[in-house]
Protein backbone atom coordinates (compact mmCIF):
# COMPACT_ATOMS: atom_id res chain seq x y z
CA MET A 1 110.07 126.68 64.72
CA ALA A 2 110.20 128.60 68.19
CA VAL A 3 108.39 127.53 71.30
CA ASN A 4 109.20 129.92 74.88
CA GLY A 5 112.82 129.92 73.87
CA ILE A 6 113.02 126.39 72.52
CA SER A 7 114.38 126.42 69.01
CA GLY A 8 116.06 123.53 67.28
CA ASN A 9 118.96 121.71 69.16
CA TYR A 10 119.02 124.14 71.82
CA TYR A 11 117.44 126.06 74.68
CA SER A 12 117.85 129.84 75.71
CA ALA A 13 117.49 130.51 78.81
CA GLU A 14 116.53 134.57 77.98
CA TYR A 15 113.24 134.11 79.53
CA THR A 16 114.26 132.58 83.18
CA ASN A 17 116.78 135.07 83.44
CA ASN A 18 115.21 137.55 83.44
CA LYS A 19 113.08 136.65 86.24
CA THR A 20 113.53 138.83 88.94
CA PRO A 21 112.99 136.51 92.21
CA GLY A 22 110.35 137.90 94.18
CA THR A 23 110.30 138.05 98.57
CA ALA A 24 108.79 134.71 98.66
CA ASP A 25 111.18 133.11 96.43
CA LYS A 26 114.06 134.53 98.33
CA ASP A 27 112.44 133.42 101.61
CA PHE A 28 112.23 130.38 100.64
CA ALA A 29 115.52 129.74 99.57
CA ASP A 30 116.57 131.37 102.60
CA ARG A 31 115.14 128.58 104.56
CA ILE A 32 116.97 125.90 102.58
CA ASN A 33 120.14 127.52 102.68
CA ASP A 34 119.50 127.65 106.77
CA ILE A 35 118.91 123.93 107.19
CA ALA A 36 121.93 122.93 104.54
CA LYS A 37 124.24 124.90 107.16
CA SER A 38 122.49 123.62 109.97
CA ALA A 39 124.01 119.82 108.90
CA GLU A 40 126.66 119.59 111.61
CA PRO A 41 125.51 117.67 114.81
CA GLU A 42 123.91 119.39 117.66
CA GLU A 43 125.73 119.68 120.81
CA THR A 44 124.02 117.87 123.24
CA GLY A 45 125.62 117.41 126.84
CA ASN A 46 128.88 115.36 126.25
CA ASP A 47 127.60 114.01 122.85
CA LYS A 48 126.82 114.93 119.20
CA GLU A 49 123.23 113.97 118.19
CA LYS A 50 122.73 113.96 114.31
CA PRO A 51 119.18 114.21 113.04
CA VAL A 52 117.68 111.14 111.48
CA PHE A 53 115.71 113.18 109.24
CA ARG A 54 114.74 116.75 108.68
CA TRP A 55 111.76 118.34 106.88
CA LEU A 56 110.70 121.67 105.09
CA TYR A 57 106.75 122.02 104.66
CA SER A 58 106.94 125.03 101.89
CA ALA A 59 102.85 125.00 102.37
CA ASP A 60 103.48 126.98 105.78
CA GLY A 61 107.01 127.66 106.12
CA SER A 62 107.67 125.03 108.80
CA THR A 63 110.77 123.36 109.29
CA GLY A 64 111.85 120.42 111.85
CA GLU A 65 114.06 117.64 112.55
CA VAL A 66 113.83 114.02 113.81
CA TYR A 67 116.99 112.63 116.44
CA LYS A 68 117.09 109.43 118.25
CA ALA A 69 117.19 110.72 121.91
CA GLN A 70 120.33 109.82 124.45
CA SER A 71 117.72 107.91 126.56
CA ASP A 72 116.78 105.59 123.62
CA THR A 73 116.50 101.38 124.38
CA LEU A 74 115.80 98.01 122.16
CA GLU A 75 112.21 98.09 124.51
CA HIS A 76 111.68 102.18 124.51
CA PRO A 77 112.61 103.83 121.16
CA VAL A 78 112.72 107.26 122.23
CA TYR A 79 112.90 110.30 119.34
CA ARG A 80 113.28 114.01 120.06
CA VAL A 81 110.98 115.94 117.34
CA LYS A 82 112.03 119.95 116.76
CA SER A 83 110.23 121.94 114.48
CA TRP A 84 110.27 125.63 113.65
CA ASP A 85 107.01 127.57 112.50
CA ALA A 86 107.43 130.46 109.89
CA ALA A 87 107.93 132.76 112.43
CA GLY A 88 110.88 130.93 114.03
CA LYS A 89 108.73 129.82 117.10
CA LEU A 90 110.12 126.19 118.46
CA THR A 91 108.21 123.09 119.36
CA GLU A 92 110.09 120.42 120.49
CA ARG A 93 108.45 117.08 121.67
CA VAL A 94 110.11 113.59 123.21
CA ILE A 95 108.61 110.50 122.10
CA ASP A 96 108.28 107.00 123.29
CA VAL A 97 107.80 105.17 119.96
CA SER A 98 106.32 102.13 121.99
CA GLN A 99 103.84 104.12 123.18
CA VAL A 100 102.23 105.16 119.57
CA ASP A 101 99.61 103.98 118.39
CA PRO A 102 99.41 104.88 114.50
CA ARG A 103 95.66 104.95 114.05
CA GLY A 104 95.41 107.76 116.80
CA CYS A 105 98.82 109.97 116.95
CA ASN A 106 99.30 113.11 115.77
CA THR A 107 102.26 114.41 113.50
CA TYR A 108 105.12 114.89 115.91
CA GLU A 109 104.22 110.63 116.68
CA MET A 110 104.79 109.54 113.28
CA TYR A 111 107.58 111.58 112.32
CA ALA A 112 109.40 109.57 115.03
CA TYR A 113 107.73 106.47 114.20
CA ALA A 114 109.01 107.01 110.38
CA ALA A 115 112.86 108.03 112.43
CA ASP A 116 112.36 104.93 114.14
CA LEU A 117 111.45 102.66 110.90
CA LYS A 118 114.64 103.72 109.27
CA GLU A 119 116.79 103.31 112.09
CA THR A 120 115.61 99.66 112.29
CA GLY A 121 116.26 99.15 109.03
CA LYS A 122 112.89 98.56 107.71
CA GLY A 123 112.53 101.80 105.51
CA SER A 124 112.47 105.27 104.76
CA PHE A 125 109.30 106.74 105.07
CA GLU A 126 109.56 110.20 105.64
CA GLU A 127 108.51 111.24 102.61
CA THR A 128 105.51 108.86 102.93
CA VAL A 129 104.29 110.66 106.25
CA LEU A 130 104.72 113.92 104.66
CA HIS A 131 102.93 113.23 101.53
CA ALA A 132 100.33 111.66 103.68
CA ALA A 133 99.99 114.86 105.72
CA SER A 134 99.62 117.18 102.77
CA ALA A 135 96.75 114.39 101.57
CA ARG A 136 95.18 114.67 104.40
CA ALA A 137 95.36 118.35 105.09
CA ALA A 138 94.12 118.78 101.55
CA ALA A 139 90.97 116.57 101.53
CA GLY A 140 87.84 118.59 101.11
CA ALA A 141 89.22 121.69 102.68
CA GLY A 142 89.87 124.91 101.23
CA GLN A 143 92.79 126.45 99.85
CA ASN A 144 94.68 127.33 102.71
CA ALA A 145 94.56 124.04 104.11
CA LEU A 146 98.18 123.23 103.61
CA ALA A 147 98.88 126.71 105.28
CA SER A 148 97.03 126.07 108.58
CA TRP A 149 98.29 122.22 109.54
CA ASP A 150 97.79 121.51 113.36
CA TYR A 151 100.84 119.05 113.83
CA LEU A 152 99.11 117.92 116.94
CA GLN A 153 95.78 116.68 115.72
CA ASP A 154 95.15 112.68 116.14
CA ILE A 155 94.91 110.94 112.51
CA ASP A 156 94.09 107.79 111.79
CA TRP A 157 97.47 107.35 109.73
CA ALA A 158 96.43 103.68 108.84
CA GLU A 159 93.18 105.20 107.08
CA THR A 160 95.27 107.65 105.62
CA ALA A 161 97.19 105.54 103.69
CA GLN A 162 94.55 102.92 103.08
CA GLU A 163 92.65 106.09 101.22
CA LEU A 164 96.05 106.90 99.77
CA MET A 165 96.80 103.40 98.31
CA ARG A 166 93.06 102.99 96.67
CA SER A 167 93.91 106.23 94.89
CA ALA A 168 96.99 105.49 93.73
CA TYR A 169 95.86 101.93 92.11
CA ASN A 170 92.62 103.89 91.10
CA TYR A 171 95.04 106.00 88.88
CA GLY A 172 97.22 103.38 88.00
CA ASP A 173 100.25 104.17 89.74
CA LEU A 174 101.25 100.67 90.91
CA GLN A 175 104.98 101.74 92.21
CA GLY A 176 102.88 104.37 94.61
CA TYR A 177 100.28 101.49 95.29
CA TRP A 178 102.94 98.87 96.55
CA SER A 179 104.73 101.75 98.48
CA TRP A 180 102.00 102.74 100.38
CA LYS A 181 100.86 98.78 100.92
CA GLN A 182 104.74 98.66 102.64
CA PHE A 183 104.26 101.53 104.69
CA LEU A 184 100.89 100.42 105.56
CA GLY A 185 101.82 96.88 106.77
CA PHE A 186 103.80 98.55 109.36
CA LEU A 187 100.81 100.55 110.12
CA GLN A 188 99.04 97.77 111.41
């Protein structure tokens, strides 16, 4: 019996190979390739900086990078957050993480906060922040909410993490529950 090209012990790729990628697929692939090519350290003065992490937010076509700033100190961890919208417009913020309140900060500040958690060895939560931003944008909003995400809107990230933690628990996702609980512990 064959179902969509699956027959016996082999898979026929004829169905996927006949598809011609659309413009959107090509644009997305080109953006991924551009990010991969930009993995080289950025020239900044006499030093080279490497990003702590990068993101590609496919819903709105934006990309971004978080760098540890050269003016960083233990008392005042400073990060540069750079993002490009789908049209290529650059937005850059320099953020002192010691001044960030996770109960009322914007997405750029939370990216810097997550970068500091990663750099200080407390955990890699950059994917968690992306998931929280996506979930927050989609909560009770229309179909295009993800495409119109406002990076400068202040959010109570602790409240968002609590909501997502409860949701993971209710759906029996205990691994997700513990991940959100750990992240929440750093926000309170």
